[in-house]
Amino acid sequence: MEKIKVNYTHNHSVARIILDDGKGNILDHVMMEELWQLFDSFKENQNLKLITFEGAGKHFSFGASVEEHQQEFAETMLHGFHQLFYLLRDLAIPTLAIVSGQCLGGGMELTIMCNFIFADSSARFGQPEIVLGVFPPPASVILQEKIGLARAENLLITGKTIPASEAADFGLVNELFDDKTALNSGVEHFIQTQILPKSATSLRFAVKASRMKFNHVLSSFLPQLESLYVKQLMQTHDANEGINSFLEKRKPEWNNA
C-alpha cells in the first residue's frame, strides 16, 4: 500500500493503521481506496478487538484533498469518503484515534468517528471547511452527537481550530497526555487493561449497542448532507470560488451567491 501502513500487534488482535503520504497525510482518493480495501479485509477477521488510527510524522492529517473538492470531482470524492464511515459503522470493531499535531477537516472527521480519541498536548482540532466556502457533512452529523449542538455549531460555523485541552474539556478527547511518548504509553495501557481482557465478539456487540442511536442518525442524515453538498452547495459561485482561491493561493472574492 502506498499511503497507509498497517501493523498487527497484541497477538493480531489490534490493527494499527498509520496514515502516511510523506506530507500532511492527506485523505485523497488513493488513501481512501486503500482504507476501503483494508476495512473490507477486516470483515473476515474475527480476532480483531481494536483498530487504531494515527498519522506518520508530526501531524495526524491535514484533511481531505482540496483538489478533489473541485466541482467536477466533488461528487465522487464525497461519496467515496462517506463509504469509510459506513464501513466502520458496519464493522462495529472498537476504534481509537491517536492524535498529535494538526487534525483537520476530513482527518478530524475520521477521528471523531472513532469510539475513543487519545491526544497529546500538540494536537489541534478543526473543521475549517467554511473558510473555503463549503461544509463538512460527516462532522455536521457526528459532532452534535458527541459534544452537543452548541459546541458543534461553534466549530462548524466559525471553522476555528481548538487545542487538545479544549477538546478534552468538551469530552471529545477521552485522554490527554503531555507528549507523544506519554501518549503511546497511555494507549498501550488502555489496550492492555481495557481491550485485551475482553471478547472480540462481545466488544462488537457493545459497539453496536452503544451506537444504536448514533448509527441511525449517521445513516439517516449523512446521505442527505451529501446531496445538499453536491446538488446545491457546489452549484453556487462561492463554494467554487473558495476552493479555487485556495488552490490558486489567493484571497477569495465572495459574491454571496
Protein backbone atom coordinates (compact mmCIF):
# COMPACT_ATOMS: atom_id res chain seq x y z
CA MET A 1 0.00 0.00 0.00
CA GLU A 2 1.25 3.45 -0.93
CA LYS A 3 -0.29 5.81 1.61
CA ILE A 4 -1.20 3.75 4.64
CA LYS A 5 0.70 1.23 6.71
CA VAL A 6 -0.92 -1.40 8.92
CA ASN A 7 0.73 -3.36 11.70
CA TYR A 8 -0.96 -6.12 13.67
CA THR A 9 0.00 -6.25 17.33
CA HIS A 10 -1.04 -7.97 20.57
CA ASN A 11 -1.31 -11.41 19.03
CA HIS A 12 -3.03 -9.96 15.94
CA SER A 13 -5.91 -8.57 18.00
CA VAL A 14 -5.05 -4.89 17.31
CA ALA A 15 -4.76 -3.35 13.83
CA ARG A 16 -2.60 -0.24 13.91
CA ILE A 17 -3.27 1.95 10.85
CA ILE A 18 -0.76 4.69 10.06
CA LEU A 19 -1.72 7.42 7.58
CA ASP A 20 1.49 8.18 5.72
CA ASP A 21 1.70 10.12 2.47
CA GLY A 22 5.03 11.73 3.36
CA LYS A 23 3.45 15.18 3.77
CA GLY A 24 0.24 16.12 5.60
CA ASN A 25 -1.30 12.63 5.45
CA ILE A 26 -3.94 13.93 3.05
CA LEU A 27 -7.02 11.75 2.64
CA ASP A 28 -7.04 11.67 -1.17
CA HIS A 29 -8.70 9.02 -3.35
CA VAL A 30 -5.64 6.76 -3.21
CA MET A 31 -5.56 6.71 0.59
CA MET A 32 -9.34 6.28 0.72
CA GLU A 33 -9.24 3.28 -1.62
CA GLU A 34 -6.51 1.67 0.47
CA LEU A 35 -8.61 2.18 3.60
CA TRP A 36 -11.69 0.67 1.87
CA GLN A 37 -9.72 -2.43 0.96
CA LEU A 38 -8.31 -2.74 4.44
CA PHE A 39 -11.68 -2.30 6.15
CA ASP A 40 -13.15 -4.85 3.77
CA SER A 41 -10.49 -7.36 4.82
CA PHE A 42 -11.41 -6.81 8.48
CA LYS A 43 -14.87 -8.30 7.83
CA GLU A 44 -13.28 -11.77 7.80
CA ASN A 45 -11.08 -11.19 10.85
CA GLN A 46 -12.96 -12.39 13.92
CA ASN A 47 -9.98 -11.84 16.24
CA LEU A 48 -9.70 -8.06 15.93
CA LYS A 49 -10.52 -6.25 19.16
CA LEU A 50 -9.35 -2.75 18.25
CA ILE A 51 -8.46 -0.60 15.24
CA THR A 52 -6.19 2.39 15.90
CA PHE A 53 -5.50 5.33 13.59
CA GLU A 54 -2.52 7.66 13.73
CA GLY A 55 -0.55 9.92 11.41
CA ALA A 56 3.06 9.43 10.43
CA GLY A 57 5.32 12.32 11.42
CA LYS A 58 4.25 15.32 13.48
CA HIS A 59 0.62 15.54 12.35
CA PHE A 60 -2.44 13.30 12.26
CA SER A 61 -3.86 14.66 8.98
CA PHE A 62 -4.44 17.98 7.24
CA GLY A 63 -7.71 16.55 5.88
CA ALA A 64 -9.12 15.55 2.52
CA SER A 65 -7.59 16.68 -0.76
CA VAL A 66 -8.71 20.22 -1.64
CA GLU A 67 -8.04 19.50 -5.34
CA GLU A 68 -10.59 16.69 -5.18
CA HIS A 69 -13.18 19.12 -3.76
CA GLN A 70 -13.38 20.88 -7.12
CA GLN A 71 -16.83 20.71 -8.68
CA GLU A 72 -16.02 18.04 -11.27
CA PHE A 73 -14.57 15.72 -8.62
CA ALA A 74 -16.68 16.60 -5.57
CA GLU A 75 -19.47 14.05 -6.02
CA THR A 76 -17.10 11.10 -6.50
CA MET A 77 -14.78 12.25 -3.71
CA LEU A 78 -17.55 12.81 -1.18
CA HIS A 79 -19.33 9.54 -1.96
CA GLY A 80 -16.07 7.63 -1.61
CA PHE A 81 -15.15 9.39 1.62
CA HIS A 82 -18.50 8.63 3.17
CA GLN A 83 -18.09 4.92 2.40
CA LEU A 84 -15.33 4.88 5.04
CA PHE A 85 -17.87 5.90 7.68
CA TYR A 86 -20.41 3.32 6.58
CA LEU A 87 -17.73 0.60 6.56
CA LEU A 88 -16.60 1.48 10.08
CA ARG A 89 -20.24 1.58 11.19
CA ASP A 90 -20.85 -1.91 9.84
CA LEU A 91 -17.62 -3.41 11.18
CA ALA A 92 -18.51 -2.32 14.74
CA ILE A 93 -14.94 -3.04 15.84
CA PRO A 94 -13.82 -0.60 18.58
CA THR A 95 -11.74 2.25 17.16
CA LEU A 96 -9.19 4.58 18.73
CA ALA A 97 -7.62 7.70 17.19
CA ILE A 98 -4.12 8.58 18.43
CA VAL A 99 -3.65 12.27 17.70
CA SER A 100 -0.62 14.53 17.60
CA GLY A 101 -0.31 17.82 15.73
CA GLN A 102 -2.85 19.06 13.21
CA CYS A 103 -6.07 17.08 12.93
CA LEU A 104 -8.19 18.99 10.45
CA GLY A 105 -11.12 18.61 8.08
CA GLY A 106 -11.55 15.07 6.85
CA GLY A 107 -8.80 13.97 9.22
CA MET A 108 -10.81 15.24 12.17
CA GLU A 109 -13.93 13.58 10.76
CA LEU A 110 -12.18 10.21 10.70
CA THR A 111 -11.03 10.87 14.26
CA ILE A 112 -14.46 11.77 15.64
CA MET A 113 -15.95 8.66 14.02
CA CYS A 114 -13.76 6.64 16.41
CA ASN A 115 -15.06 5.37 19.74
CA PHE A 116 -12.07 6.84 21.56
CA ILE A 117 -9.69 9.74 20.96
CA PHE A 118 -6.37 9.94 22.80
CA ALA A 119 -4.22 13.01 22.13
CA ASP A 120 -1.08 14.78 23.28
CA SER A 121 -0.72 18.48 24.01
CA SER A 122 0.46 19.25 20.46
CA ALA A 123 -2.90 18.19 18.95
CA ARG A 124 -5.10 20.77 17.25
CA PHE A 125 -8.62 20.01 16.07
CA GLY A 126 -10.63 21.93 13.50
CA GLN A 127 -13.21 21.79 10.72
CA PRO A 128 -12.05 24.71 8.57
CA GLU A 129 -14.24 23.88 5.55
CA ILE A 130 -16.32 27.06 5.95
CA VAL A 131 -13.18 29.10 5.26
CA LEU A 132 -13.23 27.53 1.78
CA GLY A 133 -16.94 28.23 1.39
CA VAL A 134 -18.08 24.64 1.99
CA PHE A 135 -19.14 22.45 4.93
CA PRO A 136 -18.11 19.02 6.31
CA PRO A 137 -21.01 16.52 6.00
CA PRO A 138 -19.80 13.82 8.45
CA ALA A 139 -18.77 16.36 11.10
CA SER A 140 -22.11 18.13 10.72
CA VAL A 141 -23.77 14.94 11.95
CA ILE A 142 -21.17 13.45 14.29
CA LEU A 143 -20.08 16.49 16.30
CA GLN A 144 -23.60 17.17 17.59
CA GLU A 145 -23.89 13.59 18.77
CA LYS A 146 -20.55 13.74 20.54
CA ILE A 147 -20.38 17.22 22.08
CA GLY A 148 -23.84 18.76 21.69
CA LEU A 149 -25.30 21.27 19.26
CA ALA A 150 -23.90 24.49 20.77
CA ARG A 151 -20.29 23.31 20.80
CA ALA A 152 -20.65 21.65 17.40
CA GLU A 153 -22.01 24.82 15.82
CA ASN A 154 -19.17 26.84 17.31
CA LEU A 155 -16.68 24.70 15.40
CA LEU A 156 -18.68 24.14 12.21
CA ILE A 157 -19.81 27.73 11.58
CA THR A 158 -16.58 29.51 12.58
CA GLY A 159 -14.12 26.94 11.21
CA LYS A 160 -11.79 27.69 14.10
CA THR A 161 -9.14 25.31 15.38
CA ILE A 162 -9.05 24.38 19.05
CA PRO A 163 -6.22 22.97 21.21
CA ALA A 164 -6.35 19.45 22.62
CA SER A 165 -7.06 20.83 26.10
CA GLU A 166 -10.28 22.46 24.90
CA ALA A 167 -11.28 19.31 23.00
CA ALA A 168 -10.73 17.37 26.24
CA ASP A 169 -12.88 19.85 28.18
CA PHE A 170 -15.62 19.21 25.62
CA GLY A 171 -15.31 15.48 26.19
CA LEU A 172 -14.23 14.99 22.58
CA VAL A 173 -10.77 13.82 23.65
CA ASN A 174 -11.00 10.95 26.13
CA GLU A 175 -7.42 11.06 27.40
CA LEU A 176 -4.90 13.88 27.11
CA PHE A 177 -1.13 13.40 27.56
CA ASP A 178 1.81 15.77 27.79
CA ASP A 179 3.75 14.43 24.81
CA LYS A 180 3.87 11.66 22.23
CA THR A 181 5.86 9.30 24.45
CA ALA A 182 3.28 9.56 27.22
CA LEU A 183 0.52 9.25 24.62
CA ASN A 184 1.90 5.99 23.27
CA SER A 185 2.34 4.63 26.80
CA GLY A 186 -1.23 5.61 27.64
CA VAL A 187 -2.55 3.85 24.54
CA GLU A 188 -0.64 0.69 25.44
CA HIS A 189 -2.00 0.77 28.99
CA PHE A 190 -5.55 1.22 27.67
CA ILE A 191 -5.16 -1.72 25.29
CA GLN A 192 -3.72 -3.97 27.99
CA THR A 193 -6.29 -3.14 30.65
CA GLN A 194 -9.48 -2.26 28.76
CA ILE A 195 -9.38 -4.15 25.46
CA LEU A 196 -7.32 -7.34 25.55
CA PRO A 197 -9.14 -8.97 28.51
CA LYS A 198 -12.45 -8.80 26.62
CA SER A 199 -14.07 -10.96 23.95
CA ALA A 200 -13.70 -9.66 20.39
CA THR A 201 -17.26 -10.78 19.65
CA SER A 202 -18.70 -9.13 22.74
CA LEU A 203 -16.82 -5.89 22.05
CA ARG A 204 -18.54 -5.67 18.66
CA PHE A 205 -21.94 -6.12 20.23
CA ALA A 206 -21.05 -3.45 22.79
CA VAL A 207 -20.17 -1.04 19.97
CA LYS A 208 -23.39 -1.85 18.10
CA ALA A 209 -25.43 -1.35 21.27
CA SER A 210 -23.76 1.88 22.38
CA ARG A 211 -24.05 3.30 18.84
CA MET A 212 -27.61 2.25 18.05
CA LYS A 213 -28.86 5.85 18.04
CA PHE A 214 -25.60 7.29 16.65
CA ASN A 215 -25.65 4.89 13.68
CA HIS A 216 -29.31 5.63 12.99
CA VAL A 217 -28.61 9.37 12.90
CA LEU A 218 -25.50 8.92 10.74
CA SER A 219 -27.27 6.61 8.28
CA SER A 220 -30.30 8.89 8.05
CA PHE A 221 -28.64 12.27 7.67
CA LEU A 222 -25.26 11.74 6.01
CA PRO A 223 -26.83 10.87 2.61
CA GLN A 224 -28.99 14.00 2.87
CA LEU A 225 -25.96 16.15 3.60
CA GLU A 226 -24.07 14.57 0.71
CA SER A 227 -26.95 15.53 -1.59
CA LEU A 228 -27.11 19.06 -0.13
CA TYR A 229 -23.38 19.46 -0.76
CA VAL A 230 -23.26 18.08 -4.30
CA LYS A 231 -26.61 19.17 -5.71
CA GLN A 232 -26.94 22.59 -4.07
CA LEU A 233 -23.76 23.91 -2.44
CA MET A 234 -21.47 23.05 -5.36
CA GLN A 235 -23.83 24.85 -7.74
CA THR A 236 -23.04 28.15 -6.01
CA HIS A 237 -20.38 30.62 -7.08
CA ASP A 238 -18.88 31.00 -3.63
CA ALA A 239 -18.26 27.32 -2.94
CA ASN A 240 -16.30 27.02 -6.16
CA GLU A 241 -14.56 30.35 -5.55
CA GLY A 242 -13.48 29.20 -2.10
CA ILE A 243 -11.91 26.00 -3.41
CA ASN A 244 -10.32 27.67 -6.44
CA SER A 245 -8.90 30.61 -4.49
CA PHE A 246 -7.24 28.19 -2.05
CA LEU A 247 -5.66 26.25 -4.91
CA GLU A 248 -4.57 29.49 -6.56
CA LYS A 249 -3.18 30.78 -3.24
CA ARG A 250 -5.20 33.99 -3.26
CA LYS A 251 -7.89 35.61 -1.13
CA PRO A 252 -11.42 34.53 -2.10
CA GLU A 253 -13.74 37.07 -3.69
CA TRP A 254 -17.21 36.21 -2.42
CA ASN A 255 -20.28 37.45 -4.28
CA ASN A 256 -22.66 35.89 -1.73
CA ALA A 257 -24.31 33.66 -4.28
